[in-house]
Amino acid sequence: QVQLAESGGGLVQAGGSLKLSCAASVGVFSNYAMGWFRQAPGKEREFVAAISRDAERTDYADSVKGRFTISRDNAKNTVFLQMNSLKPDDTAVYYCAAGRAYMSRYYYTGSREYDFWGQGTQVTVSS
């Protein structure tokens, strides 16, 4: 059983930054591709960023490219999401997710590819 715990959310003014962390309790963290998703009130959950097992490959939603950076520390079983130049539209609950990946270069942008999810952390950006 994989457990994921997000932290680092909060209230920030537009233009500010936050760094989210997701700690995983899992046998071999490096066997999993990791992703971040978000869900705003009244909207569907959407893809934000993904990173491959070996951290060599990343992908981002168009809405966050150039502002958000996903990274991971396999020695610490943790994935991060650095969020800069935040906008009110970034307000949402942010979830991290883990998906088994049989090749080190794999990552996933679809939520159905992920096997485990955290409980989420609220990010609120004020204008």
N, C-alpha and C. Protein backbone atom coordinates (compact mmCIF):
# COMPACT_ATOMS: atom_id res chain seq x y z
N GLN A 1 0.84 -1.19 0.00
CA GLN A 1 0.00 0.00 0.00
C GLN A 1 0.88 1.24 0.00
N VAL A 2 0.63 2.14 -0.93
CA VAL A 2 1.37 3.38 -1.03
C VAL A 2 0.56 4.49 -0.39
N GLN A 3 1.19 5.25 0.46
CA GLN A 3 0.54 6.42 1.05
C GLN A 3 1.29 7.66 0.63
N LEU A 4 0.54 8.68 0.22
CA LEU A 4 1.12 9.94 -0.22
C LEU A 4 0.59 11.06 0.65
N ALA A 5 1.48 11.94 1.07
CA ALA A 5 1.08 13.04 1.94
C ALA A 5 1.63 14.35 1.40
N GLU A 6 0.71 15.21 0.95
CA GLU A 6 1.12 16.52 0.43
C GLU A 6 1.26 17.53 1.56
N SER A 7 2.10 18.51 1.34
CA SER A 7 2.26 19.62 2.27
C SER A 7 2.75 20.84 1.50
N GLY A 8 2.66 22.00 2.15
CA GLY A 8 3.20 23.20 1.55
C GLY A 8 2.18 24.15 0.97
N GLY A 9 0.91 23.74 0.97
CA GLY A 9 -0.12 24.63 0.48
C GLY A 9 -0.34 25.81 1.40
N GLY A 10 -1.15 26.75 0.94
CA GLY A 10 -1.45 27.91 1.77
C GLY A 10 -2.04 29.05 0.96
N LEU A 11 -2.05 30.21 1.57
CA LEU A 11 -2.58 31.42 0.95
C LEU A 11 -1.41 32.31 0.53
N VAL A 12 -1.44 32.75 -0.72
CA VAL A 12 -0.37 33.59 -1.24
C VAL A 12 -0.97 34.64 -2.16
N GLN A 13 -0.32 35.77 -2.25
CA GLN A 13 -0.78 36.81 -3.16
C GLN A 13 -0.36 36.49 -4.59
N ALA A 14 -1.11 37.02 -5.53
CA ALA A 14 -0.76 36.85 -6.94
C ALA A 14 0.67 37.33 -7.18
N GLY A 15 1.40 36.54 -7.97
CA GLY A 15 2.80 36.84 -8.22
C GLY A 15 3.75 36.16 -7.26
N GLY A 16 3.22 35.59 -6.21
CA GLY A 16 4.04 34.92 -5.20
C GLY A 16 4.39 33.50 -5.58
N SER A 17 5.05 32.81 -4.65
CA SER A 17 5.52 31.45 -4.89
C SER A 17 5.15 30.54 -3.73
N LEU A 18 5.01 29.28 -4.05
CA LEU A 18 4.84 28.23 -3.06
C LEU A 18 5.58 27.00 -3.56
N LYS A 19 6.02 26.16 -2.62
CA LYS A 19 6.62 24.89 -2.99
C LYS A 19 5.87 23.78 -2.28
N LEU A 20 5.25 22.92 -3.06
CA LEU A 20 4.54 21.78 -2.52
C LEU A 20 5.48 20.59 -2.44
N SER A 21 5.26 19.78 -1.42
CA SER A 21 6.00 18.54 -1.26
C SER A 21 5.02 17.39 -1.14
N CYS A 22 5.46 16.23 -1.56
CA CYS A 22 4.65 15.03 -1.42
C CYS A 22 5.57 13.90 -0.97
N ALA A 23 5.37 13.46 0.26
CA ALA A 23 6.18 12.38 0.81
C ALA A 23 5.45 11.06 0.59
N ALA A 24 6.18 10.08 0.10
CA ALA A 24 5.58 8.78 -0.22
C ALA A 24 6.11 7.70 0.70
N SER A 25 5.22 6.93 1.23
CA SER A 25 5.62 5.73 1.96
C SER A 25 5.37 4.56 1.01
N VAL A 26 6.44 4.07 0.45
CA VAL A 26 6.33 3.06 -0.60
C VAL A 26 7.60 2.24 -0.58
N GLY A 27 7.48 1.01 -1.04
CA GLY A 27 8.65 0.14 -1.01
C GLY A 27 9.82 0.68 -1.80
N VAL A 28 9.56 0.92 -3.09
CA VAL A 28 10.61 1.43 -3.97
C VAL A 28 10.06 2.63 -4.71
N PHE A 29 10.29 3.79 -4.16
CA PHE A 29 9.74 5.04 -4.74
C PHE A 29 10.15 5.21 -6.18
N SER A 30 11.35 4.82 -6.51
CA SER A 30 11.87 5.03 -7.86
C SER A 30 11.21 4.13 -8.89
N ASN A 31 10.32 3.25 -8.48
CA ASN A 31 9.55 2.44 -9.43
C ASN A 31 8.31 3.16 -9.94
N TYR A 32 8.06 4.35 -9.40
CA TYR A 32 6.83 5.06 -9.72
C TYR A 32 7.10 6.37 -10.45
N ALA A 33 6.33 6.56 -11.53
CA ALA A 33 6.23 7.90 -12.09
C ALA A 33 5.33 8.71 -11.16
N MET A 34 5.61 10.01 -11.07
CA MET A 34 4.86 10.86 -10.15
C MET A 34 4.21 12.02 -10.90
N GLY A 35 3.09 12.46 -10.39
CA GLY A 35 2.40 13.57 -11.02
C GLY A 35 1.72 14.47 -10.01
N TRP A 36 1.40 15.66 -10.46
CA TRP A 36 0.59 16.60 -9.70
C TRP A 36 -0.65 16.95 -10.52
N PHE A 37 -1.77 16.95 -9.85
CA PHE A 37 -3.04 17.35 -10.44
C PHE A 37 -3.66 18.40 -9.52
N ARG A 38 -4.68 19.08 -10.03
CA ARG A 38 -5.38 20.05 -9.20
C ARG A 38 -6.85 20.05 -9.55
N GLN A 39 -7.65 20.47 -8.58
CA GLN A 39 -9.08 20.57 -8.79
C GLN A 39 -9.60 21.83 -8.12
N ALA A 40 -10.15 22.71 -8.94
CA ALA A 40 -10.75 23.94 -8.46
C ALA A 40 -12.23 23.70 -8.19
N PRO A 41 -12.85 24.52 -7.35
CA PRO A 41 -14.27 24.34 -7.06
C PRO A 41 -15.12 24.35 -8.32
N GLY A 42 -15.96 23.35 -8.46
CA GLY A 42 -16.86 23.29 -9.60
C GLY A 42 -16.22 22.83 -10.89
N LYS A 43 -14.96 22.44 -10.82
CA LYS A 43 -14.25 22.00 -12.03
C LYS A 43 -13.73 20.58 -11.86
N GLU A 44 -13.41 19.95 -12.98
CA GLU A 44 -12.85 18.61 -12.93
C GLU A 44 -11.37 18.67 -12.56
N ARG A 45 -10.90 17.55 -12.04
CA ARG A 45 -9.47 17.46 -11.74
C ARG A 45 -8.68 17.55 -13.03
N GLU A 46 -7.59 18.30 -13.01
CA GLU A 46 -6.80 18.49 -14.22
C GLU A 46 -5.32 18.22 -13.96
N PHE A 47 -4.66 17.79 -15.00
CA PHE A 47 -3.22 17.52 -14.96
C PHE A 47 -2.44 18.82 -14.80
N VAL A 48 -1.40 18.78 -13.98
CA VAL A 48 -0.53 19.93 -13.79
C VAL A 48 0.89 19.62 -14.27
N ALA A 49 1.47 18.54 -13.73
CA ALA A 49 2.87 18.23 -14.07
C ALA A 49 3.13 16.76 -13.80
N ALA A 50 4.13 16.21 -14.50
CA ALA A 50 4.51 14.82 -14.31
C ALA A 50 6.01 14.68 -14.44
N ILE A 51 6.54 13.64 -13.81
CA ILE A 51 7.97 13.40 -13.86
C ILE A 51 8.21 11.89 -13.93
N SER A 52 9.19 11.51 -14.72
CA SER A 52 9.49 10.09 -14.89
C SER A 52 10.20 9.53 -13.66
N ARG A 53 10.33 8.22 -13.63
CA ARG A 53 10.98 7.55 -12.51
C ARG A 53 12.38 8.10 -12.25
N ASP A 54 13.12 8.30 -13.33
CA ASP A 54 14.52 8.71 -13.19
C ASP A 54 14.68 10.22 -13.19
N ALA A 55 13.58 10.95 -13.21
CA ALA A 55 13.58 12.42 -13.19
C ALA A 55 14.14 13.05 -14.45
N GLU A 56 14.41 12.25 -15.46
CA GLU A 56 15.00 12.79 -16.69
C GLU A 56 13.96 13.46 -17.57
N ARG A 57 12.71 13.07 -17.42
CA ARG A 57 11.67 13.60 -18.29
C ARG A 57 10.55 14.21 -17.44
N THR A 58 10.09 15.37 -17.89
CA THR A 58 8.98 16.05 -17.24
C THR A 58 8.00 16.56 -18.27
N ASP A 59 6.80 16.84 -17.83
CA ASP A 59 5.79 17.41 -18.71
C ASP A 59 4.89 18.32 -17.88
N TYR A 60 4.31 19.32 -18.53
CA TYR A 60 3.51 20.31 -17.83
C TYR A 60 2.26 20.65 -18.64
N ALA A 61 1.23 21.02 -17.93
CA ALA A 61 0.08 21.60 -18.59
C ALA A 61 0.49 22.95 -19.17
N ASP A 62 -0.12 23.31 -20.28
CA ASP A 62 0.21 24.58 -20.93
C ASP A 62 0.02 25.76 -19.98
N SER A 63 -0.97 25.66 -19.12
CA SER A 63 -1.31 26.77 -18.24
C SER A 63 -0.23 27.05 -17.18
N VAL A 64 0.67 26.09 -16.95
CA VAL A 64 1.68 26.29 -15.91
C VAL A 64 3.10 26.28 -16.46
N LYS A 65 3.26 26.00 -17.74
CA LYS A 65 4.61 25.95 -18.32
C LYS A 65 5.33 27.27 -18.10
N GLY A 66 6.59 27.15 -17.70
CA GLY A 66 7.40 28.33 -17.46
C GLY A 66 7.23 28.93 -16.07
N ARG A 67 6.22 28.45 -15.34
CA ARG A 67 5.99 28.97 -13.98
C ARG A 67 6.18 27.89 -12.92
N PHE A 68 5.82 26.65 -13.24
CA PHE A 68 5.91 25.54 -12.28
C PHE A 68 7.05 24.62 -12.68
N THR A 69 7.66 24.01 -11.66
CA THR A 69 8.72 23.03 -11.89
C THR A 69 8.50 21.83 -10.99
N ILE A 70 8.45 20.66 -11.60
CA ILE A 70 8.33 19.42 -10.83
C ILE A 70 9.71 18.80 -10.70
N SER A 71 9.96 18.23 -9.53
CA SER A 71 11.24 17.55 -9.30
C SER A 71 11.00 16.43 -8.29
N ARG A 72 12.00 15.58 -8.14
CA ARG A 72 11.85 14.49 -7.18
C ARG A 72 13.21 14.16 -6.58
N ASP A 73 13.16 13.64 -5.37
CA ASP A 73 14.35 13.16 -4.68
C ASP A 73 14.08 11.71 -4.31
N ASN A 74 14.61 10.80 -5.10
CA ASN A 74 14.31 9.38 -4.88
C ASN A 74 14.93 8.86 -3.58
N ALA A 75 15.97 9.49 -3.12
CA ALA A 75 16.58 9.07 -1.86
C ALA A 75 15.69 9.41 -0.67
N LYS A 76 14.84 10.43 -0.84
CA LYS A 76 13.96 10.87 0.24
C LYS A 76 12.50 10.56 -0.02
N ASN A 77 12.23 9.80 -1.10
CA ASN A 77 10.85 9.41 -1.42
C ASN A 77 9.92 10.62 -1.49
N THR A 78 10.37 11.67 -2.13
CA THR A 78 9.61 12.90 -2.15
C THR A 78 9.58 13.51 -3.54
N VAL A 79 8.44 14.04 -3.90
CA VAL A 79 8.29 14.79 -5.14
C VAL A 79 7.87 16.21 -4.77
N PHE A 80 8.32 17.17 -5.57
CA PHE A 80 8.09 18.58 -5.28
C PHE A 80 7.39 19.26 -6.45
N LEU A 81 6.72 20.35 -6.15
CA LEU A 81 6.18 21.22 -7.19
C LEU A 81 6.46 22.66 -6.78
N GLN A 82 7.44 23.25 -7.46
CA GLN A 82 7.75 24.66 -7.22
C GLN A 82 6.84 25.50 -8.10
N MET A 83 6.10 26.39 -7.47
CA MET A 83 5.12 27.20 -8.19
C MET A 83 5.50 28.66 -8.04
N ASN A 84 5.82 29.29 -9.15
CA ASN A 84 6.19 30.71 -9.17
C ASN A 84 5.16 31.50 -9.97
N SER A 85 5.20 32.80 -9.81
CA SER A 85 4.30 33.70 -10.54
C SER A 85 2.86 33.23 -10.46
N LEU A 86 2.42 32.92 -9.27
CA LEU A 86 1.09 32.36 -9.09
C LEU A 86 0.00 33.35 -9.46
N LYS A 87 -1.07 32.79 -9.98
CA LYS A 87 -2.22 33.58 -10.42
C LYS A 87 -3.47 33.11 -9.66
N PRO A 88 -4.48 33.96 -9.57
CA PRO A 88 -5.72 33.52 -8.92
C PRO A 88 -6.30 32.25 -9.54
N ASP A 89 -6.11 32.06 -10.84
CA ASP A 89 -6.61 30.86 -11.52
C ASP A 89 -5.90 29.60 -11.07
N ASP A 90 -4.79 29.73 -10.35
CA ASP A 90 -4.09 28.55 -9.83
C ASP A 90 -4.72 28.05 -8.53
N THR A 91 -5.69 28.78 -8.01
CA THR A 91 -6.36 28.36 -6.78
C THR A 91 -7.06 27.03 -6.98
N ALA A 92 -6.71 26.07 -6.13
CA ALA A 92 -7.26 24.71 -6.25
C ALA A 92 -6.72 23.86 -5.12
N VAL A 93 -7.28 22.66 -5.01
CA VAL A 93 -6.66 21.63 -4.19
C VAL A 93 -5.69 20.88 -5.09
N TYR A 94 -4.47 20.75 -4.63
CA TYR A 94 -3.42 20.09 -5.40
C TYR A 94 -3.17 18.68 -4.84
N TYR A 95 -3.15 17.72 -5.75
CA TYR A 95 -2.97 16.33 -5.39
C TYR A 95 -1.71 15.77 -6.03
N CYS A 96 -0.96 14.98 -5.29
CA CYS A 96 0.10 14.23 -5.93
C CYS A 96 -0.38 12.80 -6.16
N ALA A 97 0.23 12.16 -7.13
CA ALA A 97 -0.18 10.82 -7.52
C ALA A 97 1.03 10.00 -7.92
N ALA A 98 0.92 8.70 -7.71
CA ALA A 98 2.00 7.77 -8.05
C ALA A 98 1.46 6.69 -8.98
N GLY A 99 2.21 6.41 -10.03
CA GLY A 99 1.80 5.38 -10.97
C GLY A 99 2.97 4.47 -11.28
N ARG A 100 2.74 3.17 -11.21
CA ARG A 100 3.81 2.22 -11.52
C ARG A 100 4.28 2.43 -12.95
N ALA A 101 5.57 2.46 -13.13
CA ALA A 101 6.15 2.67 -14.46
C ALA A 101 7.21 1.61 -14.69
N TYR A 102 7.06 0.85 -15.74
CA TYR A 102 7.96 -0.27 -15.99
C TYR A 102 9.23 0.13 -16.73
N MET A 103 9.22 1.35 -17.23
CA MET A 103 10.42 1.89 -17.85
C MET A 103 10.77 3.19 -17.15
N SER A 104 12.04 3.43 -16.96
CA SER A 104 12.47 4.59 -16.19
C SER A 104 12.08 5.91 -16.84
N ARG A 105 11.89 5.91 -18.15
CA ARG A 105 11.60 7.16 -18.84
C ARG A 105 10.09 7.48 -18.90
N TYR A 106 9.26 6.57 -18.45
CA TYR A 106 7.82 6.79 -18.54
C TYR A 106 7.34 7.85 -17.57
N TYR A 107 6.35 8.64 -18.01
CA TYR A 107 5.58 9.48 -17.13
C TYR A 107 4.16 9.52 -17.70
N TYR A 108 3.22 10.01 -16.92
CA TYR A 108 1.83 9.96 -17.33
C TYR A 108 1.17 11.32 -17.15
N THR A 109 0.30 11.66 -18.10
CA THR A 109 -0.46 12.90 -17.97
C THR A 109 -1.94 12.64 -17.70
N GLY A 110 -2.36 11.40 -17.83
CA GLY A 110 -3.75 11.05 -17.57
C GLY A 110 -3.95 10.53 -16.17
N SER A 111 -5.02 10.97 -15.53
CA SER A 111 -5.24 10.57 -14.14
C SER A 111 -5.47 9.06 -14.02
N ARG A 112 -6.00 8.43 -15.05
CA ARG A 112 -6.29 6.99 -14.95
C ARG A 112 -5.03 6.14 -14.93
N GLU A 113 -3.89 6.74 -15.27
CA GLU A 113 -2.63 6.00 -15.26
C GLU A 113 -2.04 5.89 -13.86
N TYR A 114 -2.58 6.64 -12.93
CA TYR A 114 -2.02 6.68 -11.59
C TYR A 114 -2.77 5.74 -10.67
N ASP A 115 -2.01 5.08 -9.81
CA ASP A 115 -2.57 4.05 -8.93
C ASP A 115 -2.89 4.57 -7.53
N PHE A 116 -2.14 5.58 -7.09
CA PHE A 116 -2.29 6.05 -5.72
C PHE A 116 -2.34 7.57 -5.69
N TRP A 117 -3.14 8.09 -4.76
CA TRP A 117 -3.36 9.52 -4.66
C TRP A 117 -3.23 9.98 -3.21
N GLY A 118 -2.75 11.21 -3.06
CA GLY A 118 -2.74 11.84 -1.75
C GLY A 118 -4.08 12.47 -1.45
N GLN A 119 -4.18 13.06 -0.27
CA GLN A 119 -5.43 13.69 0.17
C GLN A 119 -5.58 15.11 -0.34
N GLY A 120 -4.51 15.69 -0.80
CA GLY A 120 -4.59 17.03 -1.36
C GLY A 120 -4.18 18.12 -0.38
N THR A 121 -3.72 19.23 -0.94
CA THR A 121 -3.38 20.41 -0.15
C THR A 121 -3.93 21.64 -0.85
N GLN A 122 -4.53 22.53 -0.08
CA GLN A 122 -5.21 23.70 -0.65
C GLN A 122 -4.19 24.78 -0.97
N VAL A 123 -4.31 25.31 -2.18
CA VAL A 123 -3.53 26.48 -2.60
C VAL A 123 -4.52 27.58 -2.96
N THR A 124 -4.40 28.72 -2.33
CA THR A 124 -5.28 29.84 -2.60
C THR A 124 -4.44 31.05 -2.97
N VAL A 125 -4.71 31.61 -4.14
CA VAL A 125 -3.97 32.77 -4.63
C VAL A 125 -4.92 33.95 -4.66
N SER A 126 -4.60 34.97 -3.91
CA SER A 126 -5.46 36.16 -3.85
C SER A 126 -4.99 37.19 -4.86
N SER A 127 -5.95 37.95 -5.37
CA SER A 127 -5.62 38.96 -6.39
C SER A 127 -5.27 40.29 -5.74
